[in-house]
C-alpha atoms as a PDB file:
ATOM      1  CA  MET A   1      -0.236   0.091  -0.010  1.00  0.00           C
ATOM      2  CA  ILE A   2       0.952   3.395  -0.512  1.00  0.00           C
ATOM      3  CA  ASP A   3       1.393   5.883   2.685  1.00  0.00           C
ATOM      4  CA  PHE A   4      -1.016   9.023   2.072  1.00  0.00           C
ATOM      5  CA  TYR A   5       0.230  12.168   3.703  1.00  0.00           C
ATOM      6  CA  LEU A   6      -2.370  15.854   3.346  1.00  0.00           C
ATOM      7  CA  ILE A   7      -0.690  19.118   3.280  1.00  0.00           C
ATOM      8  CA  THR A   8      -3.123  21.644   3.781  1.00  0.00           C
ATOM      9  CA  GLY A   9      -3.305  25.223   5.205  1.00  0.00           C
ATOM     10  CA  PHE A  10      -4.821  28.917   4.163  1.00  0.00           C
ATOM     11  CA  LEU A  11      -2.695  31.099   1.126  1.00  0.00           C
ATOM     12  CA  GLY A  12       0.798  31.940   2.419  1.00  0.00           C
ATOM     13  CA  ALA A  13       0.685  29.265   5.695  1.00  0.00           C
ATOM     14  CA  GLY A  14       4.288  28.363   4.018  1.00  0.00           C
ATOM     15  CA  LYS A  15       2.964  24.958   2.546  1.00  0.00           C
ATOM     16  CA  THR A  16       5.405  24.341  -0.290  1.00  0.00           C
ATOM     17  CA  THR A  17       8.797  25.361   2.402  1.00  0.00           C
ATOM     18  CA  PHE A  18       7.177  22.673   4.072  1.00  0.00           C
ATOM     19  CA  LEU A  19       6.703  20.378   1.045  1.00  0.00           C
ATOM     20  CA  LYS A  20      10.698  20.383   0.147  1.00  0.00           C
ATOM     21  CA  ASN A  21      11.471  20.124   4.002  1.00  0.00           C
ATOM     22  CA  ILE A  22       9.379  17.143   4.880  1.00  0.00           C
ATOM     23  CA  LEU A  23      10.773  15.082   1.781  1.00  0.00           C
ATOM     24  CA  LYS A  24      14.429  14.765   3.362  1.00  0.00           C
ATOM     25  CA  ILE A  25      11.851  12.617   5.913  1.00  0.00           C
ATOM     26  CA  PHE A  26      11.515  10.393   3.216  1.00  0.00           C
ATOM     27  CA  ASN A  27      15.005  10.289   2.129  1.00  0.00           C
ATOM     28  CA  GLY A  28      15.649   6.770   0.753  1.00  0.00           C
ATOM     29  CA  LYS A  29      11.911   6.169  -0.389  1.00  0.00           C
ATOM     30  CA  LYS A  30       9.785   6.465  -3.897  1.00  0.00           C
ATOM     31  CA  LEU A  31       7.931   9.328  -3.428  1.00  0.00           C
ATOM     32  CA  SER A  32       5.498  11.159  -5.569  1.00  0.00           C
ATOM     33  CA  ILE A  33       3.727  14.256  -5.045  1.00  0.00           C
ATOM     34  CA  ILE A  34       0.630  15.870  -6.243  1.00  0.00           C
ATOM     35  CA  VAL A  35       0.427  19.517  -5.756  1.00  0.00           C
ATOM     36  CA  ASN A  36      -3.048  21.611  -6.353  1.00  0.00           C
ATOM     37  CA  GLU A  37      -3.015  25.579  -7.139  1.00  0.00           C
ATOM     38  CA  PHE A  38      -6.168  27.650  -7.309  1.00  0.00           C
ATOM     39  CA  GLY A  39      -5.022  29.677 -10.302  1.00  0.00           C
ATOM     40  CA  LYS A  40      -4.536  28.683 -13.887  1.00  0.00           C
ATOM     41  CA  GLU A  41      -1.044  28.660 -13.528  1.00  0.00           C
ATOM     42  CA  GLY A  42       1.008  26.812 -11.392  1.00  0.00           C
ATOM     43  CA  VAL A  43       3.829  28.168  -9.132  1.00  0.00           C
ATOM     44  CA  ASP A  44       4.295  25.129  -6.456  1.00  0.00           C
ATOM     45  CA  GLY A  45       4.856  22.743  -9.531  1.00  0.00           C
ATOM     46  CA  LYS A  46       7.607  24.501 -11.080  1.00  0.00           C
ATOM     47  CA  LEU A  47       9.403  25.249  -7.419  1.00  0.00           C
ATOM     48  CA  LEU A  48       9.129  21.350  -6.731  1.00  0.00           C
ATOM     49  CA  SER A  49       9.427  20.357 -10.219  1.00  0.00           C
ATOM     50  CA  ALA A  50      13.693  20.238  -9.563  1.00  0.00           C
ATOM     51  CA  LEU A  51      13.278  17.812  -6.596  1.00  0.00           C
ATOM     52  CA  GLY A  52      13.578  14.825  -8.553  1.00  0.00           C
ATOM     53  CA  VAL A  53      10.691  13.085  -7.773  1.00  0.00           C
ATOM     54  CA  SER A  54       7.177  12.392  -9.517  1.00  0.00           C
ATOM     55  CA  LEU A  55       5.233  15.650  -9.569  1.00  0.00           C
ATOM     56  CA  ALA A  56       1.691  15.984 -10.827  1.00  0.00           C
ATOM     57  CA  GLU A  57       0.178  19.494 -10.694  1.00  0.00           C
ATOM     58  CA  ILE A  58      -3.647  20.585 -11.046  1.00  0.00           C
ATOM     59  CA  ASN A  59      -4.493  23.851 -11.155  1.00  0.00           C
ATOM     60  CA  GLY A  60      -7.567  26.290 -11.912  1.00  0.00           C
ATOM     61  CA  GLY A  61      -9.729  25.132  -8.853  1.00  0.00           C
ATOM     62  CA  SER A  62      -9.475  22.755  -5.739  1.00  0.00           C
ATOM     63  CA  ILE A  63      -9.176  19.419  -6.491  1.00  0.00           C
ATOM     64  CA  PHE A  64     -12.305  18.368  -4.245  1.00  0.00           C
ATOM     65  CA  CYS A  65     -14.476  20.163  -5.850  1.00  0.00           C
ATOM     66  CA  THR A  66     -16.736  19.234  -9.150  1.00  0.00           C
ATOM     67  CA  CYS A  67     -14.648  21.123 -11.442  1.00  0.00           C
ATOM     68  CA  ARG A  68     -11.260  18.905 -10.547  1.00  0.00           C
ATOM     69  CA  LEU A  69     -12.324  16.276  -9.337  1.00  0.00           C
ATOM     70  CA  ASP A  70     -11.746  14.170 -12.079  1.00  0.00           C
ATOM     71  CA  GLN A  71      -8.370  15.363 -12.797  1.00  0.00           C
ATOM     72  CA  PHE A  72      -7.353  14.017  -8.737  1.00  0.00           C
ATOM     73  CA  GLU A  73      -8.917  10.870  -9.442  1.00  0.00           C
ATOM     74  CA  SER A  74      -6.737  10.624 -12.586  1.00  0.00           C
ATOM     75  CA  ALA A  75      -3.919  11.713 -10.812  1.00  0.00           C
ATOM     76  CA  LEU A  76      -4.703   9.151  -8.335  1.00  0.00           C
ATOM     77  CA  SER A  77      -4.683   6.255 -10.823  1.00  0.00           C
ATOM     78  CA  GLU A  78      -1.264   7.375 -12.252  1.00  0.00           C
ATOM     79  CA  VAL A  79       0.227   7.057  -8.591  1.00  0.00           C
ATOM     80  CA  ILE A  80      -0.846   3.433  -8.421  1.00  0.00           C
ATOM     81  CA  LYS A  81       0.406   2.377 -11.501  1.00  0.00           C
ATOM     82  CA  GLU A  82       3.737   3.807 -10.555  1.00  0.00           C
ATOM     83  CA  LEU A  83       3.723   2.557  -6.987  1.00  0.00           C
ATOM     84  CA  PRO A  84       5.720   4.833  -5.230  1.00  0.00           C
ATOM     85  CA  ASP A  85       6.203   4.576  -1.487  1.00  0.00           C
ATOM     86  CA  VAL A  86       4.707   7.353  -0.232  1.00  0.00           C
ATOM     87  CA  LEU A  87       2.783  10.035  -1.470  1.00  0.00           C
ATOM     88  CA  LEU A  88       2.302  14.075  -0.469  1.00  0.00           C
ATOM     89  CA  VAL A  89      -0.920  16.007  -1.905  1.00  0.00           C
ATOM     90  CA  GLU A  90      -0.384  19.817  -1.015  1.00  0.00           C
ATOM     91  CA  THR A  91      -3.645  21.269  -1.375  1.00  0.00           C
ATOM     92  CA  SER A  92      -5.073  24.612  -2.707  1.00  0.00           C
ATOM     93  CA  GLY A  93      -4.774  26.965   0.186  1.00  0.00           C
ATOM     94  CA  LEU A  94      -8.870  27.631  -0.675  1.00  0.00           C
ATOM     95  CA  SER A  95      -9.441  23.800  -0.757  1.00  0.00           C
ATOM     96  CA  ASP A  96     -11.943  22.226   1.771  1.00  0.00           C
ATOM     97  CA  PRO A  97     -10.314  19.061   2.308  1.00  0.00           C
ATOM     98  CA  THR A  98     -13.163  17.241   4.225  1.00  0.00           C
ATOM     99  CA  GLY A  99     -14.199  15.229   1.555  1.00  0.00           C
ATOM    100  CA  ILE A 100     -11.127  13.240   1.241  1.00  0.00           C
ATOM    101  CA  TYR A 101     -12.025   9.906   3.175  1.00  0.00           C
ATOM    102  CA  LYS A 102     -14.585   9.455   0.249  1.00  0.00           C
ATOM    103  CA  LEU A 103     -11.585   9.373  -2.785  1.00  0.00           C
ATOM    104  CA  LEU A 104      -9.334   6.978  -1.385  1.00  0.00           C
ATOM    105  CA  THR A 105      -9.357   3.400  -2.399  1.00  0.00           C
ATOM    106  CA  ASN A 106      -7.840   0.098  -0.662  1.00  0.00           C
ATOM    107  CA  ASP A 107      -4.372   1.247  -2.824  1.00  0.00           C
ATOM    108  CA  PHE A 108      -3.485   3.898  -0.193  1.00  0.00           C
ATOM    109  CA  SER A 109      -2.811   3.656   3.423  1.00  0.00           C
ATOM    110  CA  TYR A 110      -3.864   7.412   4.750  1.00  0.00           C
ATOM    111  CA  LYS A 111      -1.369   8.631   7.359  1.00  0.00           C
ATOM    112  CA  GLY A 112      -3.341  11.316   8.014  1.00  0.00           C
ATOM    113  CA  CYS A 113      -3.516  15.344   7.613  1.00  0.00           C
ATOM    114  CA  ILE A 114      -0.800  18.413   8.167  1.00  0.00           C
ATOM    115  CA  CYS A 115      -2.034  21.657   8.525  1.00  0.00           C
ATOM    116  CA  LEU A 116       0.269  24.971   8.678  1.00  0.00           C
ATOM    117  CA  ALA A 117      -1.223  27.723  10.003  1.00  0.00           C
ATOM    118  CA  ASP A 118       0.494  31.153   9.194  1.00  0.00           C
ATOM    119  CA  ALA A 119       1.290  32.377  13.449  1.00  0.00           C
ATOM    120  CA  VAL A 120       0.448  36.133  12.000  1.00  0.00           C
ATOM    121  CA  ASN A 121      -2.569  35.671   9.924  1.00  0.00           C
ATOM    122  CA  LEU A 122      -4.234  33.170  11.167  1.00  0.00           C
ATOM    123  CA  PRO A 123      -6.577  35.202  13.304  1.00  0.00           C
ATOM    124  CA  LYS A 124      -8.234  37.120  10.315  1.00  0.00           C
ATOM    125  CA  VAL A 125      -8.374  34.054   8.053  1.00  0.00           C
ATOM    126  CA  TYR A 126      -9.716  32.048  10.664  1.00  0.00           C
ATOM    127  CA  HIS A 127     -12.874  34.522  10.575  1.00  0.00           C
ATOM    128  CA  THR A 128     -13.175  35.686   7.317  1.00  0.00           C
ATOM    129  CA  ALA A 129     -12.079  32.385   5.554  1.00  0.00           C
ATOM    130  CA  ARG A 130     -14.548  29.246   6.182  1.00  0.00           C
ATOM    131  CA  VAL A 131     -12.041  26.810   4.632  1.00  0.00           C
ATOM    132  CA  CYS A 132      -9.634  27.791   7.044  1.00  0.00           C
ATOM    133  CA  LYS A 133     -11.609  26.288   9.713  1.00  0.00           C
ATOM    134  CA  ARG A 134     -11.915  23.659   7.210  1.00  0.00           C
ATOM    135  CA  GLN A 135      -8.467  22.893   7.096  1.00  0.00           C
ATOM    136  CA  LEU A 136      -7.776  22.636  10.901  1.00  0.00           C
ATOM    137  CA  SER A 137     -10.925  20.637  11.668  1.00  0.00           C
ATOM    138  CA  ILE A 138      -9.649  18.136   9.547  1.00  0.00           C
ATOM    139  CA  SER A 139      -5.969  17.630  10.303  1.00  0.00           C
ATOM    140  CA  ASP A 140      -4.257  15.293  12.768  1.00  0.00           C
ATOM    141  CA  LEU A 141      -1.237  17.442  12.995  1.00  0.00           C
ATOM    142  CA  ILE A 142      -0.840  21.332  12.927  1.00  0.00           C
ATOM    143  CA  PHE A 143       2.293  23.236  12.783  1.00  0.00           C
ATOM    144  CA  ILE A 144       2.090  27.201  13.672  1.00  0.00           C
ATOM    145  CA  ASN A 145       4.249  28.805  10.817  1.00  0.00           C
ATOM    146  CA  LYS A 146       6.628  31.272  10.845  1.00  0.00           C
ATOM    147  CA  THR A 147       6.547  31.842  14.034  1.00  0.00           C
ATOM    148  CA  ASP A 148       9.655  34.223  13.639  1.00  0.00           C
ATOM    149  CA  LEU A 149       7.488  36.624  12.037  1.00  0.00           C
ATOM    150  CA  ALA A 150       4.904  36.964  15.279  1.00  0.00           C
ATOM    151  CA  ASP A 151       5.328  38.841  18.863  1.00  0.00           C
ATOM    152  CA  GLU A 152       4.237  36.672  21.788  1.00  0.00           C
ATOM    153  CA  GLU A 153       0.359  38.550  21.318  1.00  0.00           C
ATOM    154  CA  GLN A 154       0.084  37.082  17.964  1.00  0.00           C
ATOM    155  CA  LEU A 155       1.445  34.262  18.493  1.00  0.00           C
ATOM    156  CA  GLN A 156      -0.645  33.406  21.714  1.00  0.00           C
ATOM    157  CA  THR A 157      -4.224  34.242  19.501  1.00  0.00           C
ATOM    158  CA  THR A 158      -3.166  32.165  17.268  1.00  0.00           C
ATOM    159  CA  ARG A 159      -2.413  29.181  19.580  1.00  0.00           C
ATOM    160  CA  ASN A 160      -6.089  30.055  21.050  1.00  0.00           C
ATOM    161  CA  ILE A 161      -7.698  29.684  18.068  1.00  0.00           C
ATOM    162  CA  ILE A 162      -6.328  26.278  17.728  1.00  0.00           C
ATOM    163  CA  LYS A 163      -7.054  25.300  21.151  1.00  0.00           C
ATOM    164  CA  ILE A 164     -10.292  26.417  20.385  1.00  0.00           C
ATOM    165  CA  GLN A 165     -11.264  24.843  17.107  1.00  0.00           C
ATOM    166  CA  ARG A 166      -9.119  21.712  17.760  1.00  0.00           C
ATOM    167  CA  PRO A 167      -8.236  20.657  21.765  1.00  0.00           C
ATOM    168  CA  ASP A 168      -7.221  17.405  20.849  1.00  0.00           C
ATOM    169  CA  ALA A 169      -4.735  18.282  17.981  1.00  0.00           C
ATOM    170  CA  THR A 170      -1.023  17.679  18.366  1.00  0.00           C
ATOM    171  CA  VAL A 171       0.524  21.452  17.770  1.00  0.00           C
ATOM    172  CA  PHE A 172       4.649  22.498  16.469  1.00  0.00           C
ATOM    173  CA  GLU A 173       5.429  25.952  16.297  1.00  0.00           C
ATOM    174  CA  THR A 174       8.390  26.188  14.197  1.00  0.00           C
ATOM    175  CA  SER A 175       9.425  28.744  10.792  1.00  0.00           C
ATOM    176  CA  PHE A 176      10.862  28.575   7.091  1.00  0.00           C
ATOM    177  CA  GLY A 177       8.648  25.280   7.127  1.00  0.00           C
ATOM    178  CA  ARG A 178      10.989  23.309   9.600  1.00  0.00           C
ATOM    179  CA  VAL A 179       9.367  19.794  10.494  1.00  0.00           C
ATOM    180  CA  GLU A 180      11.492  17.180  11.611  1.00  0.00           C
ATOM    181  CA  GLU A 181      11.037  13.195  11.613  1.00  0.00           C
ATOM    182  CA  ASP A 182       9.510  12.296  15.414  1.00  0.00           C
ATOM    183  CA  TRP A 183       7.193  15.424  14.631  1.00  0.00           C
ATOM    184  CA  VAL A 184       5.803  13.281  11.332  1.00  0.00           C
ATOM    185  CA  ASN A 185       5.642  10.145  12.777  1.00  0.00           C
ATOM    186  CA  MET A 186       2.994  11.247  15.673  1.00  0.00           C
ATOM    187  CA  ILE A 187       0.681  12.348  12.829  1.00  0.00           C
ATOM    188  CA  CYS A 188      -1.840   9.679  13.458  1.00  0.00           C
ATOM    189  CA  LYS A 189      -5.442   9.501  12.355  1.00  0.00           C
ATOM    190  CA  GLN A 190      -8.774  10.051  14.459  1.00  0.00           C
ATOM    191  CA  ASN A 191     -10.271   6.673  15.671  1.00  0.00           C
ATOM    192  CA  ILE A 192     -13.714   6.763  15.607  1.00  0.00           C
ATOM    193  CA  ASN A 193     -13.891   4.060  18.803  1.00  0.00           C
ATOM    194  CA  ASN A 194     -12.404   6.792  21.259  1.00  0.00           C
ATOM    195  CA  ASP A 195     -15.246   7.851  23.812  1.00  0.00           C
ATOM    196  CA  PHE A 196     -14.717  11.558  24.609  1.00  0.00           C
ATOM    197  CA  SER A 197     -17.617  11.395  26.719  1.00  0.00           C
ATOM    198  CA  HIS A 198     -15.571  11.269  29.841  1.00  0.00           C
ATOM    199  CA  THR A 199     -13.001  13.444  28.820  1.00  0.00           C
ATOM    200  CA  ALA A 200     -12.373  16.116  31.900  1.00  0.00           C
ATOM    201  CA  ASP A 201     -11.013  19.024  30.206  1.00  0.00           C
ATOM    202  CA  VAL A 202     -11.914  22.376  31.532  1.00  0.00           C
ATOM    203  CA  ASN A 203     -12.255  24.213  27.527  1.00  0.00           C
ATOM    204  CA  LEU A 204     -14.388  21.524  26.403  1.00  0.00           C
ATOM    205  CA  HIS A 205     -18.085  22.059  26.765  1.00  0.00           C
ATOM    206  CA  LYS A 206     -20.964  19.765  25.790  1.00  0.00           C
ATOM    207  CA  LEU A 207     -24.476  19.133  24.583  1.00  0.00           C
ATOM    208  CA  SER A 208     -26.659  17.059  24.022  1.00  0.00           C
ATOM    209  CA  ILE A 209     -29.429  16.613  21.434  1.00  0.00           C
ATOM    210  CA  ILE A 210     -32.003  14.554  21.400  1.00  0.00           C
ATOM    211  CA  VAL A 211     -33.404  13.090  18.206  1.00  0.00           C
ATOM    212  CA  SER A 212     -37.316  11.677  16.752  1.00  0.00           C
ATOM    213  CA  GLU A 213     -37.327   8.171  15.310  1.00  0.00           C
ATOM    214  CA  ASP A 214     -39.667  10.580  13.231  1.00  0.00           C
ATOM    215  CA  LEU A 215     -36.733  12.438  11.561  1.00  0.00           C
ATOM    216  CA  SER A 216     -35.503  11.060   7.983  1.00  0.00           C
ATOM    217  CA  LEU A 217     -31.972  10.553   7.649  1.00  0.00           C
ATOM    218  CA  TYR A 218     -31.522  13.226   4.665  1.00  0.00           C
ATOM    219  CA  GLU A 219     -32.829  15.559   7.899  1.00  0.00           C
ATOM    220  CA  PHE A 220     -30.876  14.771  10.164  1.00  0.00           C
ATOM    221  CA  THR A 221     -27.667  14.533   7.859  1.00  0.00           C
ATOM    222  CA  LYS A 222     -28.427  18.259   6.760  1.00  0.00           C
ATOM    223  CA  PHE A 223     -29.022  18.992  10.605  1.00  0.00           C
ATOM    224  CA  LEU A 224     -25.659  17.655  11.171  1.00  0.00           C
ATOM    225  CA  GLU A 225     -24.263  19.809   8.687  1.00  0.00           C
ATOM    226  CA  MET A 226     -25.666  22.924   9.929  1.00  0.00           C
ATOM    227  CA  ILE A 227     -24.328  22.586  13.161  1.00  0.00           C
ATOM    228  CA  ALA A 228     -20.664  20.722  12.299  1.00  0.00           C
ATOM    229  CA  GLU A 229     -18.105  23.411  11.320  1.00  0.00           C
ATOM    230  CA  ASP A 230     -18.596  24.747  15.209  1.00  0.00           C
ATOM    231  CA  THR A 231     -18.114  21.645  16.687  1.00  0.00           C
ATOM    232  CA  TYR A 232     -14.874  19.388  17.562  1.00  0.00           C
ATOM    233  CA  ARG A 233     -16.765  16.258  18.137  1.00  0.00           C
ATOM    234  CA  ILE A 234     -20.293  14.660  17.262  1.00  0.00           C
ATOM    235  CA  LYS A 235     -21.288  11.368  18.360  1.00  0.00           C
ATOM    236  CA  GLY A 236     -23.917   8.995  19.707  1.00  0.00           C
ATOM    237  CA  PHE A 237     -26.446   6.219  18.112  1.00  0.00           C
ATOM    238  CA  VAL A 238     -30.130   7.278  16.785  1.00  0.00           C
ATOM    239  CA  ARG A 239     -32.950   5.172  15.031  1.00  0.00           C
ATOM    240  CA  LEU A 240     -34.466   6.696  11.792  1.00  0.00           C
ATOM    241  CA  SER A 241     -37.165   5.045  10.637  1.00  0.00           C
ATOM    242  CA  GLY A 242     -36.558   1.948  11.982  1.00  0.00           C
ATOM    243  CA  LYS A 243     -32.760   1.856  11.119  1.00  0.00           C
ATOM    244  CA  GLY A 244     -30.042   1.980  13.540  1.00  0.00           C
ATOM    245  CA  TYR A 245     -27.144   4.796  13.023  1.00  0.00           C
ATOM    246  CA  LEU A 246     -24.013   5.666  14.137  1.00  0.00           C
ATOM    247  CA  THR A 247     -23.199   9.456  14.392  1.00  0.00           C
ATOM    248  CA  ASP A 248     -19.551   9.728  14.579  1.00  0.00           C
ATOM    249  CA  CYS A 249     -18.230  13.222  13.273  1.00  0.00           C
ATOM    250  CA  VAL A 250     -15.266  15.187  13.716  1.00  0.00           C
ATOM    251  CA  GLY A 251     -14.915  18.776  12.454  1.00  0.00           C
ATOM    252  CA  SER A 252     -17.235  19.924   9.973  1.00  0.00           C
ATOM    253  CA  LEU A 253     -16.723  16.071   8.282  1.00  0.00           C
ATOM    254  CA  VAL A 254     -20.187  14.794   8.730  1.00  0.00           C
ATOM    255  CA  LYS A 255     -20.337  10.862   8.912  1.00  0.00           C
ATOM    256  CA  VAL A 256     -23.672   8.650   9.328  1.00  0.00           C
ATOM    257  CA  GLY A 257     -23.851   5.188   8.698  1.00  0.00           C
ATOM    258  CA  GLU A 258     -25.816   2.125   9.044  1.00  0.00           C
ATOM    259  CA  TYR A 259     -25.456   0.072  12.168  1.00  0.00           C
ATOM    260  CA  ILE A 260     -26.523  -3.306  12.718  1.00  0.00           C
ATOM    261  CA  GLU A 261     -24.972  -4.319  15.608  1.00  0.00           C
ATOM    262  CA  PRO A 262     -26.486  -4.675  18.682  1.00  0.00           C
ATOM    263  CA  VAL A 263     -26.548  -1.607  20.534  1.00  0.00           C
ATOM    264  CA  GLU A 264     -28.585   0.588  23.170  1.00  0.00           C
ATOM    265  CA  ILE A 265     -30.058   2.845  20.984  1.00  0.00           C
ATOM    266  CA  SER A 266     -31.194   6.488  23.158  1.00  0.00           C
ATOM    267  CA  ASN A 267     -31.255   8.783  20.277  1.00  0.00           C
ATOM    268  CA  ILE A 268     -29.040  10.983  22.287  1.00  0.00           C
ATOM    269  CA  VAL A 269     -25.929  12.579  19.957  1.00  0.00           C
ATOM    270  CA  ASN A 270     -23.153  14.207  22.377  1.00  0.00           C
ATOM    271  CA  VAL A 271     -22.030  17.846  21.062  1.00  0.00           C
ATOM    272  CA  LEU A 272     -18.348  18.559  22.217  1.00  0.00           C
ATOM    273  CA  TYR A 273     -17.529  22.061  21.128  1.00  0.00           C
ATOM    274  CA  GLY A 274     -14.246  24.311  22.652  1.00  0.00           C
ATOM    275  CA  TYR A 275     -14.806  27.106  24.408  1.00  0.00           C
ATOM    276  CA  GLY A 276     -15.069  30.133  22.442  1.00  0.00           C
ATOM    277  CA  LEU A 277     -16.887  28.058  19.739  1.00  0.00           C
ATOM    278  CA  PRO A 278     -20.511  29.420  19.011  1.00  0.00           C
ATOM    279  CA  ALA A 279     -21.493  25.488  18.681  1.00  0.00           C
ATOM    280  CA  ARG A 280     -25.115  25.945  21.002  1.00  0.00           C
ATOM    281  CA  LYS A 281     -26.438  29.199  18.969  1.00  0.00           C
ATOM    282  CA  SER A 282     -25.842  26.840  15.740  1.00  0.00           C
ATOM    283  CA  VAL A 283     -27.459  23.820  17.236  1.00  0.00           C
ATOM    284  CA  GLU A 284     -30.242  26.457  18.667  1.00  0.00           C
ATOM    285  CA  ASN A 285     -30.726  28.199  14.927  1.00  0.00           C
ATOM    286  CA  ALA A 286     -30.804  24.550  13.656  1.00  0.00           C
ATOM    287  CA  ILE A 287     -33.184  23.091  15.920  1.00  0.00           C
ATOM    288  CA  LYS A 288     -35.421  25.782  14.151  1.00  0.00           C
ATOM    289  CA  TRP A 289     -35.505  24.000  11.229  1.00  0.00           C
ATOM    290  CA  TYR A 290     -37.145  20.478  12.597  1.00  0.00           C
ATOM    291  CA  SER A 291     -39.321  22.018  15.525  1.00  0.00           C
ATOM    292  CA  GLY A 292     -40.885  19.207  17.366  1.00  0.00           C
ATOM    293  CA  LYS A 293     -37.843  16.712  16.098  1.00  0.00           C
ATOM    294  CA  VAL A 294     -34.932  17.819  17.385  1.00  0.00           C
ATOM    295  CA  THR A 295     -34.448  19.783  21.420  1.00  0.00           C
ATOM    296  CA  LEU A 296     -31.444  20.062  23.086  1.00  0.00           C
ATOM    297  CA  GLN A 297     -30.293  19.157  26.301  1.00  0.00           C
ATOM    298  CA  VAL A 298     -27.996  20.953  28.229  1.00  0.00           C
ATOM    299  CA  GLU A 299     -26.205  19.080  31.044  1.00  0.00           C
ATOM    300  CA  LYS A 300     -23.761  19.538  34.108  1.00  0.00           C
ATOM    301  CA  ASN A 301     -20.655  17.453  33.602  1.00  0.00           C
ATOM    302  CA  TYR A 302     -16.849  17.588  35.438  1.00  0.00           C
ATOM    303  CA  GLY A 303     -17.860  19.570  38.021  1.00  0.00           C
ATOM    304  CA  ILE A 304     -19.175  22.891  34.892  1.00  0.00           C
ATOM    305  CA  GLU A 305     -21.906  24.102  33.375  1.00  0.00           C
ATOM    306  CA  PHE A 306     -22.149  23.029  29.515  1.00  0.00           C
ATOM    307  CA  THR A 307     -23.109  25.562  27.851  1.00  0.00           C
END
């Protein structure tokens, strides 16, 4: 199988420099790279072409959008033919990478997503660009880059934003895209069996949502999509129209799958979110669209009230 690493981060975060540095960690292995540029003319590909690895460049849009999805799938097919040891995919800074799981085949061993965050500019783009939140939400490892350009106040603001959005993530601080092999080795996929209901952390807040069996799967999925971006994790079993489903969302990635194993189903979904995320407001607004079918239950836990 081909080890697959996804590298994301908003415009100007330093992904290309980081990519050049991470190649050194895989020295001695056969490498392939797919670079995604949003503009018509690629720049990153030209900068990377001299590195002596197999390189494919996809321009003119995000590889996760329908306009370029076919090109991305074709590029993945070519990679499979080449049989490299490692595939590195650098996404456009404007990409929403949450659809990556749907594109991977059994030919790839997905190692996870690394996100580059600009120490100076993250606060601005986080509040103005929706994809920035989505990039953070799917990431397994986060690098706060360009720390040499940030003063302590800017750096602390960036740290706080990441802590709120992803209190579970492993975070390293660096400059010039520097990366250590030990850091990359720490990357790991989210474990869907991880039960967060007993995790004690004063930075984490919890809500419980009661779902009526009368709600359709389509309605339930749309409801989750309305709130997921402002949460860290959503998990629980529900029964809809006589069928059981496991809800397991990480950040903005919404996953609802049929579950046939015997399990007690209470139709209660737990929502975990970081301090400062507007999860409760999002839930309350979404409930208005499904009056009588979804209700909010505010709990007390870990000695504090989750609101």
